[in-house]
Amino acid sequence: MPVVRLIVGPLVTVLDLVLRLYMWIVIARAVISWVEPNPYNPVVRTLRALTDPVLRPIQRLQWRITRGQVPIDFSPMVVVLAILFLRRFLFELTLLLLRPM
């Protein structure tokens, strides 16, 4: 069991850090979309390159459900909620795996 503690603890810590960072990237993308960003700006291009693979399927699903009648893009909120859920799941899993027997 000590080997599992040595592996799981740091792995979950790094994964939590990556998820938190990605959540802030999605939030930055949503905030930048409120203004009319220059599509050739390197920051805008980087944010879109990092978030489009995750946001596009949710945007397509939202469009199919609402038939394009809702002018608000809810995909960043869905992704942030999914990340928060995943972080909570990892926390509970870590507690379960690392609890004393």
PDB file of N, CA and C in Angstrom:
ATOM      1  N   MET A   1       0.795  -1.204   0.000  1.00  0.00           N
ATOM      2  CA  MET A   1       0.000   0.000   0.000  1.00  0.00           C
ATOM      3  C   MET A   1       0.843   1.277   0.000  1.00  0.00           C
ATOM      4  N   PRO A   2       2.044   1.272   0.608  1.00  0.00           N
ATOM      5  CA  PRO A   2       2.859   2.491   0.556  1.00  0.00           C
ATOM      6  C   PRO A   2       3.246   2.892  -0.865  1.00  0.00           C
ATOM      7  N   VAL A   3       3.412   1.904  -1.764  1.00  0.00           N
ATOM      8  CA  VAL A   3       3.764   2.214  -3.147  1.00  0.00           C
ATOM      9  C   VAL A   3       2.611   2.966  -3.819  1.00  0.00           C
ATOM     10  N   VAL A   4       1.388   2.554  -3.523  1.00  0.00           N
ATOM     11  CA  VAL A   4       0.222   3.224  -4.094  1.00  0.00           C
ATOM     12  C   VAL A   4       0.170   4.668  -3.600  1.00  0.00           C
ATOM     13  N   ARG A   5       0.479   4.881  -2.338  1.00  0.00           N
ATOM     14  CA  ARG A   5       0.485   6.243  -1.798  1.00  0.00           C
ATOM     15  C   ARG A   5       1.555   7.099  -2.458  1.00  0.00           C
ATOM     16  N   LEU A   6       2.690   6.512  -2.757  1.00  0.00           N
ATOM     17  CA  LEU A   6       3.764   7.265  -3.396  1.00  0.00           C
ATOM     18  C   LEU A   6       3.423   7.643  -4.838  1.00  0.00           C
ATOM     19  N   ILE A   7       2.609   6.836  -5.471  1.00  0.00           N
ATOM     20  CA  ILE A   7       2.260   7.090  -6.871  1.00  0.00           C
ATOM     21  C   ILE A   7       0.991   7.930  -6.988  1.00  0.00           C
ATOM     22  N   VAL A   8      -0.038   7.575  -6.234  1.00  0.00           N
ATOM     23  CA  VAL A   8      -1.340   8.216  -6.387  1.00  0.00           C
ATOM     24  C   VAL A   8      -1.322   9.662  -5.932  1.00  0.00           C
ATOM     25  N   GLY A   9      -0.701   9.957  -4.818  1.00  0.00           N
ATOM     26  CA  GLY A   9      -0.688  11.320  -4.289  1.00  0.00           C
ATOM     27  C   GLY A   9      -0.140  12.345  -5.266  1.00  0.00           C
ATOM     28  N   PRO A  10       1.099  12.177  -5.722  1.00  0.00           N
ATOM     29  CA  PRO A  10       1.639  13.148  -6.688  1.00  0.00           C
ATOM     30  C   PRO A  10       0.905  13.157  -8.021  1.00  0.00           C
ATOM     31  N   LEU A  11       0.442  12.006  -8.477  1.00  0.00           N
ATOM     32  CA  LEU A  11      -0.281  11.938  -9.745  1.00  0.00           C
ATOM     33  C   LEU A  11      -1.591  12.728  -9.679  1.00  0.00           C
ATOM     34  N   VAL A  12      -2.314  12.562  -8.598  1.00  0.00           N
ATOM     35  CA  VAL A  12      -3.568  13.299  -8.443  1.00  0.00           C
ATOM     36  C   VAL A  12      -3.295  14.788  -8.279  1.00  0.00           C
ATOM     37  N   THR A  13      -2.217  15.144  -7.597  1.00  0.00           N
ATOM     38  CA  THR A  13      -1.859  16.549  -7.433  1.00  0.00           C
ATOM     39  C   THR A  13      -1.571  17.204  -8.785  1.00  0.00           C
ATOM     40  N   VAL A  14      -0.814  16.531  -9.627  1.00  0.00           N
ATOM     41  CA  VAL A  14      -0.492  17.072 -10.952  1.00  0.00           C
ATOM     42  C   VAL A  14      -1.752  17.144 -11.816  1.00  0.00           C
ATOM     43  N   LEU A  15      -2.569  16.099 -11.765  1.00  0.00           N
ATOM     44  CA  LEU A  15      -3.802  16.100 -12.549  1.00  0.00           C
ATOM     45  C   LEU A  15      -4.745  17.213 -12.084  1.00  0.00           C
ATOM     46  N   ASP A  16      -4.824  17.442 -10.790  1.00  0.00           N
ATOM     47  CA  ASP A  16      -5.644  18.529 -10.268  1.00  0.00           C
ATOM     48  C   ASP A  16      -5.123  19.884 -10.745  1.00  0.00           C
ATOM     49  N   LEU A  17      -3.825  20.052 -10.755  1.00  0.00           N
ATOM     50  CA  LEU A  17      -3.227  21.298 -11.239  1.00  0.00           C
ATOM     51  C   LEU A  17      -3.526  21.523 -12.722  1.00  0.00           C
ATOM     52  N   VAL A  18      -3.428  20.478 -13.515  1.00  0.00           N
ATOM     53  CA  VAL A  18      -3.719  20.587 -14.953  1.00  0.00           C
ATOM     54  C   VAL A  18      -5.195  20.924 -15.173  1.00  0.00           C
ATOM     55  N   LEU A  19      -6.074  20.272 -14.432  1.00  0.00           N
ATOM     56  CA  LEU A  19      -7.504  20.562 -14.572  1.00  0.00           C
ATOM     57  C   LEU A  19      -7.831  21.994 -14.151  1.00  0.00           C
ATOM     58  N   ARG A  20      -7.212  22.459 -13.074  1.00  0.00           N
ATOM     59  CA  ARG A  20      -7.448  23.829 -12.620  1.00  0.00           C
ATOM     60  C   ARG A  20      -6.949  24.837 -13.661  1.00  0.00           C
ATOM     61  N   LEU A  21      -5.772  24.576 -14.219  1.00  0.00           N
ATOM     62  CA  LEU A  21      -5.221  25.461 -15.247  1.00  0.00           C
ATOM     63  C   LEU A  21      -6.118  25.481 -16.483  1.00  0.00           C
ATOM     64  N   TYR A  22      -6.594  24.311 -16.899  1.00  0.00           N
ATOM     65  CA  TYR A  22      -7.465  24.252 -18.078  1.00  0.00           C
ATOM     66  C   TYR A  22      -8.791  24.966 -17.820  1.00  0.00           C
ATOM     67  N   MET A  23      -9.294  24.875 -16.598  1.00  0.00           N
ATOM     68  CA  MET A  23     -10.522  25.576 -16.256  1.00  0.00           C
ATOM     69  C   MET A  23     -10.341  27.083 -16.434  1.00  0.00           C
ATOM     70  N   TRP A  24      -9.196  27.612 -16.002  1.00  0.00           N
ATOM     71  CA  TRP A  24      -8.945  29.042 -16.158  1.00  0.00           C
ATOM     72  C   TRP A  24      -8.734  29.419 -17.622  1.00  0.00           C
ATOM     73  N   ILE A  25      -8.187  28.527 -18.408  1.00  0.00           N
ATOM     74  CA  ILE A  25      -8.049  28.779 -19.848  1.00  0.00           C
ATOM     75  C   ILE A  25      -9.424  28.877 -20.503  1.00  0.00           C
ATOM     76  N   VAL A  26     -10.340  27.986 -20.118  1.00  0.00           N
ATOM     77  CA  VAL A  26     -11.710  28.037 -20.658  1.00  0.00           C
ATOM     78  C   VAL A  26     -12.400  29.326 -20.229  1.00  0.00           C
ATOM     79  N   ILE A  27     -12.212  29.727 -18.979  1.00  0.00           N
ATOM     80  CA  ILE A  27     -12.815  30.972 -18.501  1.00  0.00           C
ATOM     81  C   ILE A  27     -12.242  32.166 -19.259  1.00  0.00           C
ATOM     82  N   ALA A  28     -10.942  32.172 -19.493  1.00  0.00           N
ATOM     83  CA  ALA A  28     -10.321  33.271 -20.255  1.00  0.00           C
ATOM     84  C   ALA A  28     -10.879  33.313 -21.675  1.00  0.00           C
ATOM     85  N   ARG A  29     -11.085  32.162 -22.275  1.00  0.00           N
ATOM     86  CA  ARG A  29     -11.664  32.117 -23.626  1.00  0.00           C
ATOM     87  C   ARG A  29     -13.069  32.697 -23.632  1.00  0.00           C
ATOM     88  N   ALA A  30     -13.854  32.374 -22.611  1.00  0.00           N
ATOM     89  CA  ALA A  30     -15.216  32.891 -22.536  1.00  0.00           C
ATOM     90  C   ALA A  30     -15.219  34.404 -22.342  1.00  0.00           C
ATOM     91  N   VAL A  31     -14.349  34.912 -21.493  1.00  0.00           N
ATOM     92  CA  VAL A  31     -14.295  36.350 -21.236  1.00  0.00           C
ATOM     93  C   VAL A  31     -13.828  37.097 -22.478  1.00  0.00           C
ATOM     94  N   ILE A  32     -12.842  36.557 -23.164  1.00  0.00           N
ATOM     95  CA  ILE A  32     -12.348  37.211 -24.383  1.00  0.00           C
ATOM     96  C   ILE A  32     -13.417  37.204 -25.477  1.00  0.00           C
ATOM     97  N   SER A  33     -14.279  36.199 -25.477  1.00  0.00           N
ATOM     98  CA  SER A  33     -15.316  36.152 -26.509  1.00  0.00           C
ATOM     99  C   SER A  33     -16.373  37.236 -26.316  1.00  0.00           C
ATOM    100  N   TRP A  34     -16.429  37.881 -25.156  1.00  0.00           N
ATOM    101  CA  TRP A  34     -17.402  38.949 -24.928  1.00  0.00           C
ATOM    102  C   TRP A  34     -17.063  40.207 -25.719  1.00  0.00           C
ATOM    103  N   VAL A  35     -15.791  40.408 -26.003  1.00  0.00           N
ATOM    104  CA  VAL A  35     -15.380  41.529 -26.838  1.00  0.00           C
ATOM    105  C   VAL A  35     -15.132  40.997 -28.239  1.00  0.00           C
ATOM    106  N   GLU A  36     -14.867  41.851 -29.156  1.00  0.00           N
ATOM    107  CA  GLU A  36     -14.588  41.408 -30.526  1.00  0.00           C
ATOM    108  C   GLU A  36     -13.083  41.214 -30.673  1.00  0.00           C
ATOM    109  N   PRO A  37     -12.575  40.001 -30.353  1.00  0.00           N
ATOM    110  CA  PRO A  37     -11.123  39.817 -30.396  1.00  0.00           C
ATOM    111  C   PRO A  37     -10.603  39.715 -31.823  1.00  0.00           C
ATOM    112  N   ASN A  38      -9.386  40.139 -31.994  1.00  0.00           N
ATOM    113  CA  ASN A  38      -8.716  39.997 -33.280  1.00  0.00           C
ATOM    114  C   ASN A  38      -8.386  38.517 -33.463  1.00  0.00           C
ATOM    115  N   PRO A  39      -8.935  37.866 -34.487  1.00  0.00           N
ATOM    116  CA  PRO A  39      -8.697  36.431 -34.647  1.00  0.00           C
ATOM    117  C   PRO A  39      -7.244  36.080 -34.970  1.00  0.00           C
ATOM    118  N   TYR A  40      -6.445  37.061 -35.334  1.00  0.00           N
ATOM    119  CA  TYR A  40      -5.041  36.796 -35.649  1.00  0.00           C
ATOM    120  C   TYR A  40      -4.117  37.066 -34.466  1.00  0.00           C
ATOM    121  N   ASN A  41      -4.666  37.500 -33.356  1.00  0.00           N
ATOM    122  CA  ASN A  41      -3.875  37.724 -32.149  1.00  0.00           C
ATOM    123  C   ASN A  41      -3.361  36.375 -31.645  1.00  0.00           C
ATOM    124  N   PRO A  42      -2.075  36.264 -31.315  1.00  0.00           N
ATOM    125  CA  PRO A  42      -1.529  34.974 -30.872  1.00  0.00           C
ATOM    126  C   PRO A  42      -2.183  34.436 -29.600  1.00  0.00           C
ATOM    127  N   VAL A  43      -2.587  35.320 -28.700  1.00  0.00           N
ATOM    128  CA  VAL A  43      -3.243  34.856 -27.472  1.00  0.00           C
ATOM    129  C   VAL A  43      -4.609  34.251 -27.798  1.00  0.00           C
ATOM    130  N   VAL A  44      -5.361  34.922 -28.648  1.00  0.00           N
ATOM    131  CA  VAL A  44      -6.679  34.419 -29.042  1.00  0.00           C
ATOM    132  C   VAL A  44      -6.536  33.103 -29.793  1.00  0.00           C
ATOM    133  N   ARG A  45      -5.578  33.020 -30.680  1.00  0.00           N
ATOM    134  CA  ARG A  45      -5.363  31.774 -31.439  1.00  0.00           C
ATOM    135  C   ARG A  45      -4.964  30.627 -30.528  1.00  0.00           C
ATOM    136  N   THR A  46      -4.117  30.913 -29.530  1.00  0.00           N
ATOM    137  CA  THR A  46      -3.700  29.874 -28.587  1.00  0.00           C
ATOM    138  C   THR A  46      -4.871  29.402 -27.739  1.00  0.00           C
ATOM    139  N   LEU A  47      -5.666  30.349 -27.239  1.00  0.00           N
ATOM    140  CA  LEU A  47      -6.828  29.970 -26.444  1.00  0.00           C
ATOM    141  C   LEU A  47      -7.810  29.128 -27.252  1.00  0.00           C
ATOM    142  N   ARG A  48      -8.023  29.519 -28.487  1.00  0.00           N
ATOM    143  CA  ARG A  48      -8.935  28.743 -29.335  1.00  0.00           C
ATOM    144  C   ARG A  48      -8.364  27.363 -29.654  1.00  0.00           C
ATOM    145  N   ALA A  49      -7.074  27.292 -29.895  1.00  0.00           N
ATOM    146  CA  ALA A  49      -6.457  25.995 -30.197  1.00  0.00           C
ATOM    147  C   ALA A  49      -6.532  25.050 -28.997  1.00  0.00           C
ATOM    148  N   LEU A  50      -6.427  25.612 -27.800  1.00  0.00           N
ATOM    149  CA  LEU A  50      -6.474  24.780 -26.603  1.00  0.00           C
ATOM    150  C   LEU A  50      -7.895  24.375 -26.216  1.00  0.00           C
ATOM    151  N   THR A  51      -8.867  25.209 -26.507  1.00  0.00           N
ATOM    152  CA  THR A  51     -10.221  24.933 -26.029  1.00  0.00           C
ATOM    153  C   THR A  51     -11.178  24.395 -27.093  1.00  0.00           C
ATOM    154  N   ASP A  52     -10.915  24.640 -28.353  1.00  0.00           N
ATOM    155  CA  ASP A  52     -11.840  24.179 -29.402  1.00  0.00           C
ATOM    156  C   ASP A  52     -12.088  22.670 -29.399  1.00  0.00           C
ATOM    157  N   PRO A  53     -11.080  21.821 -29.188  1.00  0.00           N
ATOM    158  CA  PRO A  53     -11.380  20.380 -29.198  1.00  0.00           C
ATOM    159  C   PRO A  53     -12.380  19.951 -28.126  1.00  0.00           C
ATOM    160  N   VAL A  54     -12.465  20.679 -27.041  1.00  0.00           N
ATOM    161  CA  VAL A  54     -13.404  20.333 -25.979  1.00  0.00           C
ATOM    162  C   VAL A  54     -14.732  21.068 -26.150  1.00  0.00           C
ATOM    163  N   LEU A  55     -14.684  22.323 -26.573  1.00  0.00           N
ATOM    164  CA  LEU A  55     -15.908  23.131 -26.660  1.00  0.00           C
ATOM    165  C   LEU A  55     -16.746  22.817 -27.896  1.00  0.00           C
ATOM    166  N   ARG A  56     -16.126  22.492 -29.009  1.00  0.00           N
ATOM    167  CA  ARG A  56     -16.870  22.290 -30.266  1.00  0.00           C
ATOM    168  C   ARG A  56     -17.943  21.204 -30.171  1.00  0.00           C
ATOM    169  N   PRO A  57     -17.642  20.009 -29.620  1.00  0.00           N
ATOM    170  CA  PRO A  57     -18.715  19.002 -29.537  1.00  0.00           C
ATOM    171  C   PRO A  57     -19.898  19.465 -28.683  1.00  0.00           C
ATOM    172  N   ILE A  58     -19.623  20.195 -27.627  1.00  0.00           N
ATOM    173  CA  ILE A  58     -20.705  20.697 -26.772  1.00  0.00           C
ATOM    174  C   ILE A  58     -21.491  21.774 -27.506  1.00  0.00           C
ATOM    175  N   GLN A  59     -20.807  22.613 -28.271  1.00  0.00           N
ATOM    176  CA  GLN A  59     -21.498  23.639 -29.047  1.00  0.00           C
ATOM    177  C   GLN A  59     -22.398  23.011 -30.111  1.00  0.00           C
ATOM    178  N   ARG A  60     -21.901  21.949 -30.762  1.00  0.00           N
ATOM    179  CA  ARG A  60     -22.731  21.267 -31.760  1.00  0.00           C
ATOM    180  C   ARG A  60     -23.956  20.632 -31.115  1.00  0.00           C
ATOM    181  N   LEU A  61     -23.773  20.025 -29.942  1.00  0.00           N
ATOM    182  CA  LEU A  61     -24.900  19.421 -29.230  1.00  0.00           C
ATOM    183  C   LEU A  61     -25.907  20.482 -28.809  1.00  0.00           C
ATOM    184  N   GLN A  62     -25.426  21.607 -28.325  1.00  0.00           N
ATOM    185  CA  GLN A  62     -26.320  22.695 -27.939  1.00  0.00           C
ATOM    186  C   GLN A  62     -27.091  23.206 -29.148  1.00  0.00           C
ATOM    187  N   TRP A  63     -26.437  23.306 -30.283  1.00  0.00           N
ATOM    188  CA  TRP A  63     -27.121  23.781 -31.484  1.00  0.00           C
ATOM    189  C   TRP A  63     -28.198  22.796 -31.929  1.00  0.00           C
ATOM    190  N   ARG A  64     -27.899  21.491 -31.829  1.00  0.00           N
ATOM    191  CA  ARG A  64     -28.895  20.490 -32.212  1.00  0.00           C
ATOM    192  C   ARG A  64     -30.101  20.515 -31.285  1.00  0.00           C
ATOM    193  N   ILE A  65     -29.860  20.716 -29.997  1.00  0.00           N
ATOM    194  CA  ILE A  65     -30.956  20.721 -29.034  1.00  0.00           C
ATOM    195  C   ILE A  65     -31.820  21.964 -29.196  1.00  0.00           C
ATOM    196  N   THR A  66     -31.188  23.124 -29.346  1.00  0.00           N
ATOM    197  CA  THR A  66     -31.948  24.383 -29.395  1.00  0.00           C
ATOM    198  C   THR A  66     -32.261  24.835 -30.812  1.00  0.00           C
ATOM    199  N   ARG A  67     -31.735  24.142 -31.796  1.00  0.00           N
ATOM    200  CA  ARG A  67     -31.924  24.509 -33.214  1.00  0.00           C
ATOM    201  C   ARG A  67     -31.438  25.926 -33.499  1.00  0.00           C
ATOM    202  N   GLY A  68     -30.443  26.377 -32.765  1.00  0.00           N
ATOM    203  CA  GLY A  68     -29.869  27.691 -33.008  1.00  0.00           C
ATOM    204  C   GLY A  68     -30.707  28.844 -32.488  1.00  0.00           C
ATOM    205  N   GLN A  69     -31.729  28.559 -31.678  1.00  0.00           N
ATOM    206  CA  GLN A  69     -32.614  29.607 -31.189  1.00  0.00           C
ATOM    207  C   GLN A  69     -32.063  30.346 -29.970  1.00  0.00           C
ATOM    208  N   VAL A  70     -31.085  29.761 -29.288  1.00  0.00           N
ATOM    209  CA  VAL A  70     -30.507  30.391 -28.092  1.00  0.00           C
ATOM    210  C   VAL A  70     -29.200  31.060 -28.489  1.00  0.00           C
ATOM    211  N   PRO A  71     -29.099  32.380 -28.336  1.00  0.00           N
ATOM    212  CA  PRO A  71     -27.893  33.083 -28.785  1.00  0.00           C
ATOM    213  C   PRO A  71     -26.721  33.014 -27.802  1.00  0.00           C
ATOM    214  N   ILE A  72     -26.889  32.319 -26.670  1.00  0.00           N
ATOM    215  CA  ILE A  72     -25.831  32.237 -25.659  1.00  0.00           C
ATOM    216  C   ILE A  72     -25.137  30.896 -25.778  1.00  0.00           C
ATOM    217  N   ASP A  73     -23.820  30.914 -25.739  1.00  0.00           N
ATOM    218  CA  ASP A  73     -23.024  29.695 -25.794  1.00  0.00           C
ATOM    219  C   ASP A  73     -22.777  29.209 -24.367  1.00  0.00           C
ATOM    220  N   PHE A  74     -23.389  28.085 -24.032  1.00  0.00           N
ATOM    221  CA  PHE A  74     -23.252  27.531 -22.691  1.00  0.00           C
ATOM    222  C   PHE A  74     -22.109  26.525 -22.569  1.00  0.00           C
ATOM    223  N   SER A  75     -21.377  26.284 -23.638  1.00  0.00           N
ATOM    224  CA  SER A  75     -20.336  25.249 -23.598  1.00  0.00           C
ATOM    225  C   SER A  75     -19.222  25.533 -22.589  1.00  0.00           C
ATOM    226  N   PRO A  76     -18.752  26.782 -22.409  1.00  0.00           N
ATOM    227  CA  PRO A  76     -17.733  26.988 -21.363  1.00  0.00           C
ATOM    228  C   PRO A  76     -18.245  26.651 -19.965  1.00  0.00           C
ATOM    229  N   MET A  77     -19.510  26.962 -19.699  1.00  0.00           N
ATOM    230  CA  MET A  77     -20.067  26.649 -18.391  1.00  0.00           C
ATOM    231  C   MET A  77     -20.166  25.134 -18.191  1.00  0.00           C
ATOM    232  N   VAL A  78     -20.525  24.413 -19.223  1.00  0.00           N
ATOM    233  CA  VAL A  78     -20.609  22.957 -19.137  1.00  0.00           C
ATOM    234  C   VAL A  78     -19.226  22.365 -18.871  1.00  0.00           C
ATOM    235  N   VAL A  79     -18.214  22.875 -19.570  1.00  0.00           N
ATOM    236  CA  VAL A  79     -16.852  22.366 -19.378  1.00  0.00           C
ATOM    237  C   VAL A  79     -16.339  22.688 -17.980  1.00  0.00           C
ATOM    238  N   VAL A  80     -16.583  23.894 -17.498  1.00  0.00           N
ATOM    239  CA  VAL A  80     -16.130  24.260 -16.146  1.00  0.00           C
ATOM    240  C   VAL A  80     -16.821  23.386 -15.105  1.00  0.00           C
ATOM    241  N   LEU A  81     -18.120  23.161 -15.251  1.00  0.00           N
ATOM    242  CA  LEU A  81     -18.824  22.282 -14.318  1.00  0.00           C
ATOM    243  C   LEU A  81     -18.305  20.848 -14.379  1.00  0.00           C
ATOM    244  N   ALA A  82     -17.988  20.371 -15.568  1.00  0.00           N
ATOM    245  CA  ALA A  82     -17.426  19.022 -15.701  1.00  0.00           C
ATOM    246  C   ALA A  82     -16.054  18.935 -15.042  1.00  0.00           C
ATOM    247  N   ILE A  83     -15.246  19.973 -15.182  1.00  0.00           N
ATOM    248  CA  ILE A  83     -13.931  19.984 -14.544  1.00  0.00           C
ATOM    249  C   ILE A  83     -14.079  20.006 -13.029  1.00  0.00           C
ATOM    250  N   LEU A  84     -15.001  20.813 -12.513  1.00  0.00           N
ATOM    251  CA  LEU A  84     -15.225  20.847 -11.063  1.00  0.00           C
ATOM    252  C   LEU A  84     -15.697  19.494 -10.545  1.00  0.00           C
ATOM    253  N   PHE A  85     -16.579  18.845 -11.291  1.00  0.00           N
ATOM    254  CA  PHE A  85     -17.044  17.512 -10.910  1.00  0.00           C
ATOM    255  C   PHE A  85     -15.891  16.517 -10.923  1.00  0.00           C
ATOM    256  N   LEU A  86     -15.062  16.561 -11.948  1.00  0.00           N
ATOM    257  CA  LEU A  86     -13.932  15.644 -12.048  1.00  0.00           C
ATOM    258  C   LEU A  86     -12.919  15.874 -10.934  1.00  0.00           C
ATOM    259  N   ARG A  87     -12.665  17.126 -10.593  1.00  0.00           N
ATOM    260  CA  ARG A  87     -11.749  17.435  -9.488  1.00  0.00           C
ATOM    261  C   ARG A  87     -12.300  16.896  -8.173  1.00  0.00           C
ATOM    262  N   ARG A  88     -13.590  17.045  -7.944  1.00  0.00           N
ATOM    263  CA  ARG A  88     -14.206  16.514  -6.720  1.00  0.00           C
ATOM    264  C   ARG A  88     -14.131  14.990  -6.697  1.00  0.00           C
ATOM    265  N   PHE A  89     -14.371  14.359  -7.840  1.00  0.00           N
ATOM    266  CA  PHE A  89     -14.274  12.911  -7.934  1.00  0.00           C
ATOM    267  C   PHE A  89     -12.855  12.437  -7.618  1.00  0.00           C
ATOM    268  N   LEU A  90     -11.860  13.120  -8.162  1.00  0.00           N
ATOM    269  CA  LEU A  90     -10.471  12.752  -7.880  1.00  0.00           C
ATOM    270  C   LEU A  90     -10.132  12.931  -6.407  1.00  0.00           C
ATOM    271  N   PHE A  91     -10.642  13.983  -5.793  1.00  0.00           N
ATOM    272  CA  PHE A  91     -10.405  14.204  -4.378  1.00  0.00           C
ATOM    273  C   PHE A  91     -10.988  13.070  -3.541  1.00  0.00           C
ATOM    274  N   GLU A  92     -12.229  12.687  -3.826  1.00  0.00           N
ATOM    275  CA  GLU A  92     -12.870  11.599  -3.087  1.00  0.00           C
ATOM    276  C   GLU A  92     -12.166  10.267  -3.348  1.00  0.00           C
ATOM    277  N   LEU A  93     -11.745  10.040  -4.575  1.00  0.00           N
ATOM    278  CA  LEU A  93     -11.019   8.813  -4.895  1.00  0.00           C
ATOM    279  C   LEU A  93      -9.683   8.758  -4.162  1.00  0.00           C
ATOM    280  N   THR A  94      -9.014   9.878  -4.067  1.00  0.00           N
ATOM    281  CA  THR A  94      -7.750   9.945  -3.337  1.00  0.00           C
ATOM    282  C   THR A  94      -7.963   9.652  -1.869  1.00  0.00           C
ATOM    283  N   LEU A  95      -9.008  10.222  -1.292  1.00  0.00           N
ATOM    284  CA  LEU A  95      -9.302   9.930   0.104  1.00  0.00           C
ATOM    285  C   LEU A  95      -9.587   8.463   0.324  1.00  0.00           C
ATOM    286  N   LEU A  96     -10.296   7.860  -0.615  1.00  0.00           N
ATOM    287  CA  LEU A  96     -10.624   6.445  -0.505  1.00  0.00           C
ATOM    288  C   LEU A  96      -9.377   5.575  -0.623  1.00  0.00           C
ATOM    289  N   LEU A  97      -8.496   5.897  -1.553  1.00  0.00           N
ATOM    290  CA  LEU A  97      -7.298   5.086  -1.771  1.00  0.00           C
ATOM    291  C   LEU A  97      -6.237   5.287  -0.698  1.00  0.00           C
ATOM    292  N   LEU A  98      -6.162   6.466  -0.144  1.00  0.00           N
ATOM    293  CA  LEU A  98      -5.084   6.768   0.791  1.00  0.00           C
ATOM    294  C   LEU A  98      -5.518   6.691   2.257  1.00  0.00           C
ATOM    295  N   ARG A  99      -6.736   6.291   2.525  1.00  0.00           N
ATOM    296  CA  ARG A  99      -7.163   6.204   3.910  1.00  0.00           C
ATOM    297  C   ARG A  99      -6.455   5.046   4.599  1.00  0.00           C
ATOM    298  N   PRO A 100      -6.194   5.191   5.897  1.00  0.00           N
ATOM    299  CA  PRO A 100      -5.522   4.099   6.615  1.00  0.00           C
ATOM    300  C   PRO A 100      -6.434   2.888   6.740  1.00  0.00           C
ATOM    301  N   MET A 101      -5.845   1.750   6.620  1.00  0.00           N
ATOM    302  CA  MET A 101      -6.607   0.498   6.707  1.00  0.00           C
ATOM    303  C   MET A 101      -6.680   0.017   8.130  1.00  0.00           C
TER     304      MET A 101
END
